[in-house]
Structure formats: C-alpha cells, structure tokens
Amino acid sequence: MKILAVCRGSAEILPGKKYKTGINKMAVNGPVMVDAHGIVGDAICNGELHGGEEQAVYIEGAETLDWWAGELGHPLEPGTFGENLVIEGIDNRDIAVGDRFSAGDVVLEVTSTRIPCATFAAKMNDPKFPKRYMKAGRAGAYARVLSGGILEAGQTVDYQPFAGERITMPELMASYGKKLKGAERDRYLAVPLHAELRAFLND
C-alpha cells in the first residue's frame, strides 16, 4: 500500500456560487508538511463544517476512485473529490473509525465519514450528485493527525485496522443524523469518533 497522490487546494469561487471553497485540490509534486490541522497550505474556507483537528486530512481509496471513474465514464484526476490523500490498495467501504494509516513519521486516525454537500455538487457540476454519492455508500474518510511530518506521493503506507468492533464508512454514513440508543449507541461511543459526533450522541 502506498500514497498515489497528496493534494492541496487554494481558495476559489465555484461557478454559480458566491463563497470561496478549498474543494478544488490538485496533486502536489514533492513533499508537503502535515501538522495537527492537516496539509500545510491547504485552503479551508468554512471552518465550521470543514477542517479542524478532528477532520484534518481527507482520504480516498484508489479502488473507490477507480469505481467512480467507471460509473462516471471518465478518469478522475487526484483531488477531484476534494481529497488530500489517494491511497493505493484500499476500498473506502473497508475503512472504519479508528483505523490508522502511517507513512514516514505521519500517523492518521480515521474519525468520521464524508457527507456530501452543495459545494460538492457544484464541484461535480451535478445538483443530484450528493444523493448519488450517498446511495453508492462509498464515502471517503476524515482523519485526525496523531503524529505530523512529511508526506509525498510514492511513500509506503502501513495500514492498522481498528482492533475493536468496526464501524465502517458505509455504516457511519447510513446512521448520519440519527440519535442512536442502547447497545448501538454504546458501539459508536467505543470507537475514536469525531468529537462533535461523539457530543451529538451523548446529548
């Protein structure tokens, strides 16, 4: 398993929108620094919904992007979905909260799944794309940075699955916005979830 691309975005205004977004990401040539807030220099324009230490790095598995390329009928350049990392040999459906990806000194821990929004629809030039993305159940993963350092394309990635009961990205997506109870709620609270989602479940 290795990093196929490290992607970083600049603040831009998408066609038909009035606000700036950092969703337009491009593959970076050479090494980039990663700190607690993610890829250094990556634009985060809406701090309430994006970025922060709990979702510092957005990961897409190369197998999932290949699947989407088939569905959409054309190749997907790295960064098309706004991802920071494209990792070879991983299918998003197999990623679970608490899984760890390590490359060099950098250690990332999965905290939550991607929920598509209007900005993503504008990026894909398709107002129905968020619904299609939800139905596909192949969402990418957000991760916190446990250890910072340097990342670059070609680095070997060590994948460490979460040792406890797994809550995968499709399951997390399917439960989005639901107030879980009893044993199901306890399952979710037993994994290293995004702090805001944990607070929502505890409320």
N, C-alpha and C. Protein backbone atom coordinates (compact mmCIF):
# COMPACT_ATOMS: atom_id res chain seq x y z
N MET A 1 0.86 -1.19 0.00
CA MET A 1 0.00 0.00 0.00
C MET A 1 0.89 1.23 0.00
N LYS A 2 0.53 2.22 -0.84
CA LYS A 2 1.33 3.44 -0.89
C LYS A 2 0.47 4.65 -1.23
N ILE A 3 1.03 5.83 -1.03
CA ILE A 3 0.36 7.08 -1.38
C ILE A 3 0.52 7.31 -2.89
N LEU A 4 -0.61 7.43 -3.58
CA LEU A 4 -0.56 7.73 -5.01
C LEU A 4 -0.53 9.23 -5.28
N ALA A 5 -1.15 10.01 -4.38
CA ALA A 5 -1.16 11.46 -4.56
C ALA A 5 -1.42 12.16 -3.24
N VAL A 6 -0.74 13.29 -3.07
CA VAL A 6 -1.02 14.22 -1.98
C VAL A 6 -1.58 15.48 -2.64
N CYS A 7 -2.76 15.92 -2.19
CA CYS A 7 -3.45 17.02 -2.87
C CYS A 7 -3.70 18.20 -1.92
N ARG A 8 -3.64 19.39 -2.51
CA ARG A 8 -3.80 20.61 -1.74
C ARG A 8 -4.60 21.60 -2.59
N GLY A 9 -5.43 22.42 -1.92
CA GLY A 9 -6.29 23.34 -2.65
C GLY A 9 -6.08 24.79 -2.27
N SER A 10 -6.49 25.68 -3.18
CA SER A 10 -6.49 27.12 -2.94
C SER A 10 -7.93 27.61 -2.83
N ALA A 11 -8.12 28.74 -2.19
CA ALA A 11 -9.46 29.31 -2.06
C ALA A 11 -9.94 29.81 -3.42
N GLU A 12 -11.08 29.27 -3.87
CA GLU A 12 -11.65 29.64 -5.15
C GLU A 12 -13.16 29.76 -5.03
N ILE A 13 -13.77 30.45 -5.99
CA ILE A 13 -15.23 30.53 -6.08
C ILE A 13 -15.69 29.65 -7.24
N LEU A 14 -16.55 28.67 -6.95
CA LEU A 14 -17.06 27.79 -7.99
C LEU A 14 -18.12 28.50 -8.82
N PRO A 15 -18.29 28.10 -10.07
CA PRO A 15 -19.35 28.68 -10.91
C PRO A 15 -20.72 28.58 -10.24
N GLY A 16 -21.44 29.67 -10.20
CA GLY A 16 -22.77 29.69 -9.61
C GLY A 16 -22.80 29.92 -8.12
N LYS A 17 -21.64 30.01 -7.49
CA LYS A 17 -21.56 30.23 -6.05
C LYS A 17 -20.94 31.60 -5.76
N LYS A 18 -21.15 32.10 -4.54
CA LYS A 18 -20.63 33.40 -4.16
C LYS A 18 -19.56 33.30 -3.07
N TYR A 19 -19.39 32.12 -2.52
CA TYR A 19 -18.44 31.94 -1.43
C TYR A 19 -17.20 31.18 -1.93
N LYS A 20 -16.10 31.35 -1.21
CA LYS A 20 -14.87 30.66 -1.56
C LYS A 20 -14.84 29.26 -0.93
N THR A 21 -14.20 28.36 -1.61
CA THR A 21 -14.06 26.99 -1.13
C THR A 21 -12.67 26.47 -1.49
N GLY A 22 -12.20 25.51 -0.71
CA GLY A 22 -10.92 24.88 -0.99
C GLY A 22 -11.07 23.50 -1.58
N ILE A 23 -12.27 23.18 -2.13
CA ILE A 23 -12.53 21.83 -2.61
C ILE A 23 -11.75 21.49 -3.88
N ASN A 24 -11.35 22.52 -4.64
CA ASN A 24 -10.56 22.27 -5.85
C ASN A 24 -9.11 21.97 -5.47
N LYS A 25 -8.80 20.69 -5.39
CA LYS A 25 -7.46 20.29 -4.96
C LYS A 25 -6.69 19.67 -6.13
N MET A 26 -5.40 19.88 -6.09
CA MET A 26 -4.52 19.36 -7.14
C MET A 26 -3.37 18.59 -6.49
N ALA A 27 -2.91 17.56 -7.21
CA ALA A 27 -1.77 16.79 -6.72
C ALA A 27 -0.53 17.67 -6.62
N VAL A 28 0.21 17.50 -5.55
CA VAL A 28 1.42 18.28 -5.29
C VAL A 28 2.64 17.46 -5.69
N ASN A 29 3.55 18.08 -6.40
CA ASN A 29 4.83 17.43 -6.70
C ASN A 29 5.81 17.70 -5.56
N GLY A 30 6.33 16.62 -4.99
CA GLY A 30 7.29 16.78 -3.91
C GLY A 30 6.66 16.67 -2.54
N PRO A 31 7.47 16.79 -1.50
CA PRO A 31 7.00 16.59 -0.12
C PRO A 31 6.19 17.78 0.39
N VAL A 32 5.24 17.48 1.28
CA VAL A 32 4.45 18.52 1.95
C VAL A 32 4.45 18.23 3.46
N MET A 33 4.32 19.28 4.23
CA MET A 33 4.28 19.15 5.68
C MET A 33 2.85 18.90 6.14
N VAL A 34 2.71 18.04 7.12
CA VAL A 34 1.43 17.75 7.75
C VAL A 34 1.54 18.08 9.23
N ASP A 35 0.59 18.92 9.71
CA ASP A 35 0.55 19.21 11.15
C ASP A 35 -0.83 18.84 11.68
N ALA A 36 -1.15 19.27 12.89
CA ALA A 36 -2.40 18.87 13.53
C ALA A 36 -3.63 19.29 12.75
N HIS A 37 -3.50 20.31 11.89
CA HIS A 37 -4.63 20.81 11.10
C HIS A 37 -4.63 20.27 9.68
N GLY A 38 -3.71 19.37 9.36
CA GLY A 38 -3.71 18.74 8.05
C GLY A 38 -2.56 19.15 7.17
N ILE A 39 -2.80 19.17 5.84
CA ILE A 39 -1.78 19.53 4.88
C ILE A 39 -1.50 21.03 4.99
N VAL A 40 -0.28 21.38 5.30
CA VAL A 40 0.06 22.80 5.45
C VAL A 40 -0.11 23.51 4.10
N GLY A 41 -0.85 24.62 4.13
CA GLY A 41 -1.11 25.37 2.91
C GLY A 41 -2.40 25.00 2.22
N ASP A 42 -3.11 23.98 2.71
CA ASP A 42 -4.39 23.60 2.11
C ASP A 42 -5.47 24.56 2.57
N ALA A 43 -6.23 25.12 1.64
CA ALA A 43 -7.24 26.12 1.96
C ALA A 43 -8.45 25.50 2.64
N ILE A 44 -8.83 26.03 3.80
CA ILE A 44 -10.06 25.67 4.50
C ILE A 44 -10.86 26.96 4.64
N CYS A 45 -11.97 27.06 3.91
CA CYS A 45 -12.71 28.32 3.85
C CYS A 45 -13.92 28.36 4.78
N ASN A 46 -14.41 27.21 5.18
CA ASN A 46 -15.55 27.15 6.09
C ASN A 46 -15.16 26.29 7.29
N GLY A 47 -14.57 26.93 8.28
CA GLY A 47 -14.07 26.20 9.44
C GLY A 47 -15.12 25.54 10.29
N GLU A 48 -16.39 25.97 10.14
CA GLU A 48 -17.46 25.35 10.92
C GLU A 48 -17.80 23.95 10.41
N LEU A 49 -17.64 23.74 9.11
CA LEU A 49 -18.03 22.46 8.51
C LEU A 49 -16.86 21.64 8.02
N HIS A 50 -15.73 22.28 7.78
CA HIS A 50 -14.60 21.57 7.20
C HIS A 50 -13.32 21.84 7.99
N GLY A 51 -12.39 20.90 7.87
CA GLY A 51 -11.10 21.07 8.51
C GLY A 51 -11.18 20.92 10.02
N GLY A 52 -10.18 21.46 10.71
CA GLY A 52 -10.09 21.29 12.15
C GLY A 52 -9.34 20.03 12.49
N GLU A 53 -8.98 19.89 13.74
CA GLU A 53 -8.14 18.77 14.15
C GLU A 53 -8.84 17.41 14.05
N GLU A 54 -10.18 17.39 14.11
CA GLU A 54 -10.89 16.12 14.06
C GLU A 54 -11.11 15.60 12.64
N GLN A 55 -10.99 16.48 11.65
CA GLN A 55 -11.08 16.04 10.26
C GLN A 55 -10.02 16.80 9.45
N ALA A 56 -8.79 16.58 9.87
CA ALA A 56 -7.65 17.33 9.34
C ALA A 56 -7.25 16.88 7.94
N VAL A 57 -7.41 15.60 7.67
CA VAL A 57 -6.98 15.04 6.38
C VAL A 57 -8.12 14.19 5.82
N TYR A 58 -8.43 14.42 4.53
CA TYR A 58 -9.49 13.65 3.88
C TYR A 58 -8.86 12.61 2.95
N ILE A 59 -9.23 11.34 3.15
CA ILE A 59 -8.62 10.21 2.46
C ILE A 59 -9.62 9.56 1.49
N GLU A 60 -9.13 9.27 0.29
CA GLU A 60 -9.88 8.47 -0.66
C GLU A 60 -9.04 7.25 -1.04
N GLY A 61 -9.69 6.07 -1.05
CA GLY A 61 -9.02 4.86 -1.51
C GLY A 61 -9.01 4.82 -3.03
N ALA A 62 -7.88 4.43 -3.61
CA ALA A 62 -7.75 4.40 -5.07
C ALA A 62 -8.75 3.44 -5.70
N GLU A 63 -9.07 2.33 -5.02
CA GLU A 63 -10.03 1.38 -5.58
C GLU A 63 -11.42 2.02 -5.71
N THR A 64 -11.77 2.87 -4.76
CA THR A 64 -13.06 3.56 -4.82
C THR A 64 -13.07 4.59 -5.94
N LEU A 65 -11.99 5.33 -6.10
CA LEU A 65 -11.93 6.31 -7.17
C LEU A 65 -11.97 5.63 -8.54
N ASP A 66 -11.36 4.45 -8.65
CA ASP A 66 -11.44 3.69 -9.90
C ASP A 66 -12.88 3.27 -10.18
N TRP A 67 -13.60 2.88 -9.12
CA TRP A 67 -15.02 2.51 -9.28
C TRP A 67 -15.82 3.71 -9.77
N TRP A 68 -15.59 4.89 -9.17
CA TRP A 68 -16.30 6.08 -9.59
C TRP A 68 -15.95 6.47 -11.02
N ALA A 69 -14.71 6.27 -11.41
CA ALA A 69 -14.31 6.57 -12.79
C ALA A 69 -15.13 5.73 -13.77
N GLY A 70 -15.35 4.47 -13.40
CA GLY A 70 -16.19 3.61 -14.24
C GLY A 70 -17.63 4.07 -14.27
N GLU A 71 -18.14 4.48 -13.12
CA GLU A 71 -19.52 4.95 -13.04
C GLU A 71 -19.72 6.25 -13.83
N LEU A 72 -18.74 7.14 -13.77
CA LEU A 72 -18.86 8.45 -14.41
C LEU A 72 -18.42 8.45 -15.87
N GLY A 73 -17.69 7.39 -16.24
CA GLY A 73 -17.30 7.26 -17.64
C GLY A 73 -16.07 8.03 -18.06
N HIS A 74 -15.26 8.44 -17.09
CA HIS A 74 -14.02 9.15 -17.42
C HIS A 74 -13.07 9.04 -16.24
N PRO A 75 -11.76 9.16 -16.49
CA PRO A 75 -10.78 9.09 -15.39
C PRO A 75 -10.97 10.25 -14.42
N LEU A 76 -10.61 10.00 -13.18
CA LEU A 76 -10.67 11.04 -12.15
C LEU A 76 -9.25 11.46 -11.78
N GLU A 77 -8.97 12.73 -11.97
CA GLU A 77 -7.67 13.24 -11.56
C GLU A 77 -7.60 13.30 -10.03
N PRO A 78 -6.43 13.08 -9.43
CA PRO A 78 -6.30 13.22 -7.98
C PRO A 78 -6.82 14.57 -7.51
N GLY A 79 -7.62 14.57 -6.46
CA GLY A 79 -8.20 15.79 -5.94
C GLY A 79 -9.60 16.08 -6.43
N THR A 80 -10.11 15.27 -7.36
CA THR A 80 -11.45 15.52 -7.93
C THR A 80 -12.52 15.59 -6.87
N PHE A 81 -12.45 14.75 -5.86
CA PHE A 81 -13.45 14.72 -4.80
C PHE A 81 -13.06 15.61 -3.62
N GLY A 82 -12.01 16.40 -3.79
CA GLY A 82 -11.56 17.27 -2.72
C GLY A 82 -10.69 16.56 -1.70
N GLU A 83 -10.17 15.40 -2.09
CA GLU A 83 -9.37 14.61 -1.15
C GLU A 83 -7.95 15.16 -1.02
N ASN A 84 -7.37 14.91 0.16
CA ASN A 84 -5.97 15.26 0.42
C ASN A 84 -5.02 14.12 0.07
N LEU A 85 -5.48 12.90 0.28
CA LEU A 85 -4.65 11.73 0.01
C LEU A 85 -5.41 10.71 -0.82
N VAL A 86 -4.71 10.15 -1.80
CA VAL A 86 -5.21 8.98 -2.52
C VAL A 86 -4.28 7.83 -2.16
N ILE A 87 -4.85 6.78 -1.59
CA ILE A 87 -4.04 5.66 -1.11
C ILE A 87 -4.36 4.41 -1.92
N GLU A 88 -3.31 3.82 -2.45
CA GLU A 88 -3.42 2.61 -3.25
C GLU A 88 -3.86 1.42 -2.39
N GLY A 89 -4.65 0.54 -2.99
CA GLY A 89 -4.97 -0.73 -2.35
C GLY A 89 -6.02 -0.67 -1.27
N ILE A 90 -6.83 0.39 -1.24
CA ILE A 90 -7.87 0.48 -0.22
C ILE A 90 -9.20 0.86 -0.87
N ASP A 91 -10.24 0.19 -0.41
CA ASP A 91 -11.61 0.48 -0.82
C ASP A 91 -12.27 1.21 0.35
N ASN A 92 -12.90 2.36 0.08
CA ASN A 92 -13.49 3.14 1.16
C ASN A 92 -14.45 2.33 2.02
N ARG A 93 -15.11 1.35 1.43
CA ARG A 93 -16.10 0.56 2.17
C ARG A 93 -15.46 -0.27 3.28
N ASP A 94 -14.15 -0.48 3.18
CA ASP A 94 -13.45 -1.29 4.18
C ASP A 94 -12.85 -0.46 5.31
N ILE A 95 -12.86 0.87 5.17
CA ILE A 95 -12.28 1.74 6.20
C ILE A 95 -13.26 1.89 7.35
N ALA A 96 -12.75 1.87 8.58
CA ALA A 96 -13.58 2.02 9.77
C ALA A 96 -13.00 3.09 10.69
N VAL A 97 -13.85 3.62 11.54
CA VAL A 97 -13.40 4.58 12.55
C VAL A 97 -12.32 3.93 13.42
N GLY A 98 -11.25 4.65 13.64
CA GLY A 98 -10.15 4.12 14.45
C GLY A 98 -9.05 3.46 13.66
N ASP A 99 -9.29 3.18 12.37
CA ASP A 99 -8.21 2.67 11.52
C ASP A 99 -7.10 3.71 11.45
N ARG A 100 -5.86 3.23 11.34
CA ARG A 100 -4.73 4.14 11.26
C ARG A 100 -3.92 3.91 10.00
N PHE A 101 -3.50 5.02 9.39
CA PHE A 101 -2.64 4.99 8.22
C PHE A 101 -1.35 5.72 8.59
N SER A 102 -0.22 5.04 8.42
CA SER A 102 1.07 5.63 8.78
C SER A 102 1.98 5.67 7.56
N ALA A 103 2.66 6.79 7.37
CA ALA A 103 3.63 6.94 6.29
C ALA A 103 4.76 7.83 6.82
N GLY A 104 5.96 7.30 6.87
CA GLY A 104 7.05 8.03 7.49
C GLY A 104 6.71 8.32 8.95
N ASP A 105 6.84 9.58 9.36
CA ASP A 105 6.51 9.96 10.74
C ASP A 105 5.04 10.26 10.94
N VAL A 106 4.29 10.36 9.84
CA VAL A 106 2.89 10.77 9.92
C VAL A 106 1.99 9.59 10.29
N VAL A 107 1.13 9.81 11.29
CA VAL A 107 0.14 8.81 11.68
C VAL A 107 -1.24 9.47 11.67
N LEU A 108 -2.16 8.89 10.90
CA LEU A 108 -3.52 9.41 10.79
C LEU A 108 -4.49 8.40 11.37
N GLU A 109 -5.50 8.89 12.09
CA GLU A 109 -6.52 8.03 12.68
C GLU A 109 -7.89 8.46 12.17
N VAL A 110 -8.64 7.54 11.59
CA VAL A 110 -9.95 7.84 11.00
C VAL A 110 -10.95 8.19 12.09
N THR A 111 -11.68 9.29 11.87
CA THR A 111 -12.65 9.77 12.85
C THR A 111 -14.09 9.81 12.35
N SER A 112 -14.26 9.98 11.03
CA SER A 112 -15.61 10.18 10.51
C SER A 112 -15.64 9.98 9.01
N THR A 113 -16.84 10.03 8.45
CA THR A 113 -17.01 9.84 7.01
C THR A 113 -17.41 11.13 6.33
N ARG A 114 -17.22 11.17 5.05
CA ARG A 114 -17.61 12.33 4.26
C ARG A 114 -19.13 12.30 4.02
N ILE A 115 -19.78 13.42 4.30
CA ILE A 115 -21.19 13.60 3.97
C ILE A 115 -21.25 14.67 2.86
N PRO A 116 -21.77 14.33 1.69
CA PRO A 116 -21.73 15.27 0.56
C PRO A 116 -22.60 16.49 0.79
N CYS A 117 -22.17 17.62 0.22
CA CYS A 117 -22.85 18.89 0.43
C CYS A 117 -23.07 19.61 -0.90
N ALA A 118 -23.67 20.80 -0.82
CA ALA A 118 -23.95 21.58 -2.02
C ALA A 118 -22.67 21.99 -2.74
N THR A 119 -21.60 22.23 -1.99
CA THR A 119 -20.33 22.59 -2.61
C THR A 119 -19.79 21.43 -3.43
N PHE A 120 -19.94 20.23 -2.92
CA PHE A 120 -19.51 19.03 -3.66
C PHE A 120 -20.33 18.89 -4.94
N ALA A 121 -21.64 19.17 -4.86
CA ALA A 121 -22.50 19.12 -6.05
C ALA A 121 -22.02 20.11 -7.09
N ALA A 122 -21.67 21.34 -6.64
CA ALA A 122 -21.18 22.36 -7.56
C ALA A 122 -19.85 21.94 -8.17
N LYS A 123 -18.99 21.35 -7.37
CA LYS A 123 -17.70 20.87 -7.85
C LYS A 123 -17.88 19.83 -8.96
N MET A 124 -18.86 18.95 -8.78
CA MET A 124 -19.12 17.88 -9.75
C MET A 124 -20.05 18.33 -10.87
N ASN A 125 -20.52 19.59 -10.78
CA ASN A 125 -21.43 20.16 -11.79
C ASN A 125 -22.67 19.29 -11.96
N ASP A 126 -23.19 18.81 -10.83
CA ASP A 126 -24.36 17.93 -10.84
C ASP A 126 -25.12 18.10 -9.53
N PRO A 127 -26.27 18.79 -9.53
CA PRO A 127 -27.01 19.02 -8.29
C PRO A 127 -27.50 17.73 -7.63
N LYS A 128 -27.57 16.65 -8.38
CA LYS A 128 -28.04 15.38 -7.84
C LYS A 128 -26.90 14.49 -7.35
N PHE A 129 -25.66 14.96 -7.51
CA PHE A 129 -24.54 14.10 -7.17
C PHE A 129 -24.48 13.72 -5.69
N PRO A 130 -24.76 14.64 -4.74
CA PRO A 130 -24.75 14.21 -3.34
C PRO A 130 -25.66 13.01 -3.05
N LYS A 131 -26.84 13.01 -3.65
CA LYS A 131 -27.76 11.88 -3.45
C LYS A 131 -27.17 10.60 -4.05
N ARG A 132 -26.56 10.74 -5.20
CA ARG A 132 -25.92 9.59 -5.85
C ARG A 132 -24.76 9.07 -5.01
N TYR A 133 -24.02 9.99 -4.45
CA TYR A 133 -22.87 9.64 -3.61
C TYR A 133 -23.34 8.90 -2.35
N MET A 134 -24.40 9.40 -1.74
CA MET A 134 -24.95 8.74 -0.55
C MET A 134 -25.44 7.33 -0.88
N LYS A 135 -26.13 7.20 -2.00
CA LYS A 135 -26.67 5.89 -2.40
C LYS A 135 -25.56 4.89 -2.67
N ALA A 136 -24.44 5.36 -3.22
CA ALA A 136 -23.33 4.46 -3.53
C ALA A 136 -22.69 3.87 -2.27
N GLY A 137 -22.73 4.62 -1.16
CA GLY A 137 -22.20 4.11 0.11
C GLY A 137 -20.70 3.88 0.11
N ARG A 138 -19.96 4.69 -0.64
CA ARG A 138 -18.51 4.52 -0.75
C ARG A 138 -17.76 5.78 -0.33
N ALA A 139 -18.26 6.41 0.72
CA ALA A 139 -17.69 7.70 1.14
C ALA A 139 -16.26 7.56 1.62
N GLY A 140 -15.50 8.64 1.39
CA GLY A 140 -14.14 8.71 1.90
C GLY A 140 -14.13 8.94 3.40
N ALA A 141 -12.91 9.03 3.95
CA ALA A 141 -12.75 9.08 5.40
C ALA A 141 -11.96 10.32 5.82
N TYR A 142 -12.43 10.97 6.89
CA TYR A 142 -11.68 12.04 7.54
C TYR A 142 -10.83 11.45 8.65
N ALA A 143 -9.67 12.05 8.86
CA ALA A 143 -8.76 11.55 9.90
C ALA A 143 -8.14 12.69 10.68
N ARG A 144 -7.87 12.42 11.95
CA ARG A 144 -7.08 13.34 12.77
C ARG A 144 -5.61 12.96 12.62
N VAL A 145 -4.72 13.90 12.91
CA VAL A 145 -3.29 13.67 12.81
C VAL A 145 -2.75 13.35 14.20
N LEU A 146 -2.34 12.13 14.40
CA LEU A 146 -1.76 11.73 15.68
C LEU A 146 -0.28 12.11 15.76
N SER A 147 0.37 12.12 14.59
CA SER A 147 1.78 12.49 14.53
C SER A 147 2.02 13.17 13.18
N GLY A 148 2.58 14.36 13.21
CA GLY A 148 2.83 15.11 11.99
C GLY A 148 4.16 14.75 11.35
N GLY A 149 4.42 15.38 10.20
CA GLY A 149 5.66 15.11 9.49
C GLY A 149 5.53 15.44 8.03
N ILE A 150 6.23 14.68 7.19
CA ILE A 150 6.27 14.92 5.75
C ILE A 150 5.56 13.79 5.02
N LEU A 151 4.73 14.19 4.02
CA LEU A 151 4.10 13.21 3.14
C LEU A 151 4.43 13.55 1.70
N GLU A 152 4.53 12.50 0.88
CA GLU A 152 4.66 12.72 -0.56
C GLU A 152 4.24 11.46 -1.30
N ALA A 153 3.88 11.64 -2.56
CA ALA A 153 3.47 10.51 -3.39
C ALA A 153 4.59 9.49 -3.47
N GLY A 154 4.20 8.23 -3.45
CA GLY A 154 5.16 7.14 -3.52
C GLY A 154 5.54 6.54 -2.18
N GLN A 155 5.23 7.24 -1.09
CA GLN A 155 5.56 6.71 0.23
C GLN A 155 4.75 5.44 0.53
N THR A 156 5.41 4.51 1.19
CA THR A 156 4.74 3.31 1.65
C THR A 156 3.82 3.65 2.81
N VAL A 157 2.64 3.04 2.81
CA VAL A 157 1.64 3.26 3.86
C VAL A 157 1.44 1.98 4.65
N ASP A 158 1.51 2.10 5.96
CA ASP A 158 1.19 0.99 6.85
C ASP A 158 -0.25 1.17 7.32
N TYR A 159 -1.07 0.17 7.10
CA TYR A 159 -2.48 0.23 7.47
C TYR A 159 -2.73 -0.63 8.70
N GLN A 160 -3.25 -0.01 9.77
CA GLN A 160 -3.53 -0.73 11.02
C GLN A 160 -5.03 -0.64 11.31
N PRO A 161 -5.78 -1.73 11.03
CA PRO A 161 -7.22 -1.70 11.29
C PRO A 161 -7.51 -1.53 12.78
N PHE A 162 -8.61 -0.87 13.09
CA PHE A 162 -9.02 -0.70 14.49
C PHE A 162 -9.24 -2.06 15.12
N ALA A 163 -8.74 -2.23 16.33
CA ALA A 163 -8.76 -3.55 16.97
C ALA A 163 -10.12 -3.93 17.53
N GLY A 164 -10.98 -2.95 17.83
CA GLY A 164 -12.28 -3.24 18.40
C GLY A 164 -13.35 -3.51 17.35
N GLU A 165 -14.60 -3.44 17.77
CA GLU A 165 -15.70 -3.65 16.83
C GLU A 165 -15.71 -2.52 15.81
N ARG A 166 -15.82 -2.89 14.54
CA ARG A 166 -15.63 -1.92 13.47
C ARG A 166 -16.94 -1.21 13.08
N ILE A 167 -16.83 0.10 12.92
CA ILE A 167 -17.91 0.90 12.36
C ILE A 167 -17.38 1.49 11.06
N THR A 168 -17.81 0.91 9.96
CA THR A 168 -17.27 1.27 8.65
C THR A 168 -17.86 2.59 8.14
N MET A 169 -17.23 3.11 7.09
CA MET A 169 -17.71 4.35 6.49
C MET A 169 -19.14 4.21 5.97
N PRO A 170 -19.52 3.10 5.29
CA PRO A 170 -20.92 2.97 4.88
C PRO A 170 -21.90 2.97 6.05
N GLU A 171 -21.54 2.31 7.14
CA GLU A 171 -22.41 2.26 8.30
C GLU A 171 -22.54 3.64 8.93
N LEU A 172 -21.42 4.34 9.03
CA LEU A 172 -21.43 5.67 9.62
C LEU A 172 -22.26 6.63 8.77
N MET A 173 -22.14 6.51 7.46
CA MET A 173 -22.92 7.35 6.55
C MET A 173 -24.41 7.06 6.70
N ALA A 174 -24.76 5.78 6.78
CA ALA A 174 -26.17 5.39 6.88
C ALA A 174 -26.81 5.87 8.18
N SER A 175 -26.01 6.05 9.22
CA SER A 175 -26.55 6.46 10.52
C SER A 175 -26.47 7.97 10.73
N TYR A 176 -26.02 8.71 9.72
CA TYR A 176 -25.79 10.15 9.86
C TYR A 176 -27.07 10.87 10.32
N GLY A 177 -26.94 11.67 11.38
CA GLY A 177 -28.04 12.46 11.89
C GLY A 177 -29.02 11.72 12.78
N LYS A 178 -28.79 10.41 13.00
CA LYS A 178 -29.71 9.62 13.80
C LYS A 178 -29.26 9.60 15.27
N LYS A 179 -30.23 9.68 16.16
CA LYS A 179 -29.95 9.56 17.59
C LYS A 179 -29.98 8.08 17.98
N LEU A 180 -28.81 7.51 18.10
CA LEU A 180 -28.72 6.09 18.43
C LEU A 180 -28.97 5.88 19.92
N LYS A 181 -29.45 4.69 20.23
CA LYS A 181 -29.76 4.36 21.62
C LYS A 181 -29.22 3.00 21.99
N GLY A 182 -29.12 2.76 23.29
CA GLY A 182 -28.78 1.45 23.81
C GLY A 182 -27.45 0.92 23.32
N ALA A 183 -27.45 -0.36 22.94
CA ALA A 183 -26.22 -1.05 22.55
C ALA A 183 -25.59 -0.42 21.31
N GLU A 184 -26.44 0.06 20.39
CA GLU A 184 -25.91 0.66 19.17
C GLU A 184 -25.15 1.96 19.49
N ARG A 185 -25.72 2.75 20.36
CA ARG A 185 -25.04 3.98 20.79
C ARG A 185 -23.73 3.64 21.49
N ASP A 186 -23.73 2.61 22.33
CA ASP A 186 -22.53 2.21 23.05
C ASP A 186 -21.44 1.77 22.08
N ARG A 187 -21.83 1.09 20.99
CA ARG A 187 -20.87 0.68 19.97
C ARG A 187 -20.14 1.89 19.40
N TYR A 188 -20.91 2.91 19.08
CA TYR A 188 -20.33 4.11 18.47
C TYR A 188 -19.42 4.85 19.45
N LEU A 189 -19.81 4.87 20.70
CA LEU A 189 -19.01 5.59 21.70
C LEU A 189 -17.75 4.82 22.10
N ALA A 190 -17.65 3.56 21.66
CA ALA A 190 -16.48 2.75 21.99
C ALA A 190 -15.34 2.93 20.98
N VAL A 191 -15.59 3.72 19.91
CA VAL A 191 -14.56 3.95 18.91
C VAL A 191 -14.14 5.43 18.95
N PRO A 192 -12.97 5.77 18.42
CA PRO A 192 -12.48 7.16 18.49
C PRO A 192 -13.13 8.09 17.46
N LEU A 193 -14.43 8.29 17.63
CA LEU A 193 -15.22 9.13 16.74
C LEU A 193 -14.79 10.59 16.76
N HIS A 194 -15.14 11.31 15.71
CA HIS A 194 -15.05 12.77 15.66
C HIS A 194 -15.72 13.33 16.92
N ALA A 195 -15.08 14.28 17.57
CA ALA A 195 -15.56 14.80 18.85
C ALA A 195 -16.98 15.36 18.77
N GLU A 196 -17.32 16.03 17.67
CA GLU A 196 -18.66 16.60 17.55
C GLU A 196 -19.72 15.52 17.42
N LEU A 197 -19.40 14.45 16.71
CA LEU A 197 -20.35 13.35 16.60
C LEU A 197 -20.51 12.65 17.94
N ARG A 198 -19.42 12.51 18.67
CA ARG A 198 -19.49 11.92 20.00
C ARG A 198 -20.38 12.78 20.92
N ALA A 199 -20.21 14.10 20.84
CA ALA A 199 -21.03 15.00 21.66
C ALA A 199 -22.50 14.90 21.26
N PHE A 200 -22.77 14.76 19.95
CA PHE A 200 -24.15 14.61 19.48
C PHE A 200 -24.78 13.34 20.05
N LEU A 201 -24.04 12.27 20.09
CA LEU A 201 -24.56 11.00 20.61
C LEU A 201 -24.75 11.06 22.13
N ASN A 202 -23.94 11.87 22.80
CA ASN A 202 -24.02 11.99 24.25
C ASN A 202 -25.10 12.97 24.72
N ASP A 203 -25.61 13.78 23.80
CA ASP A 203 -26.57 14.82 24.14
C ASP A 203 -27.93 14.22 24.50
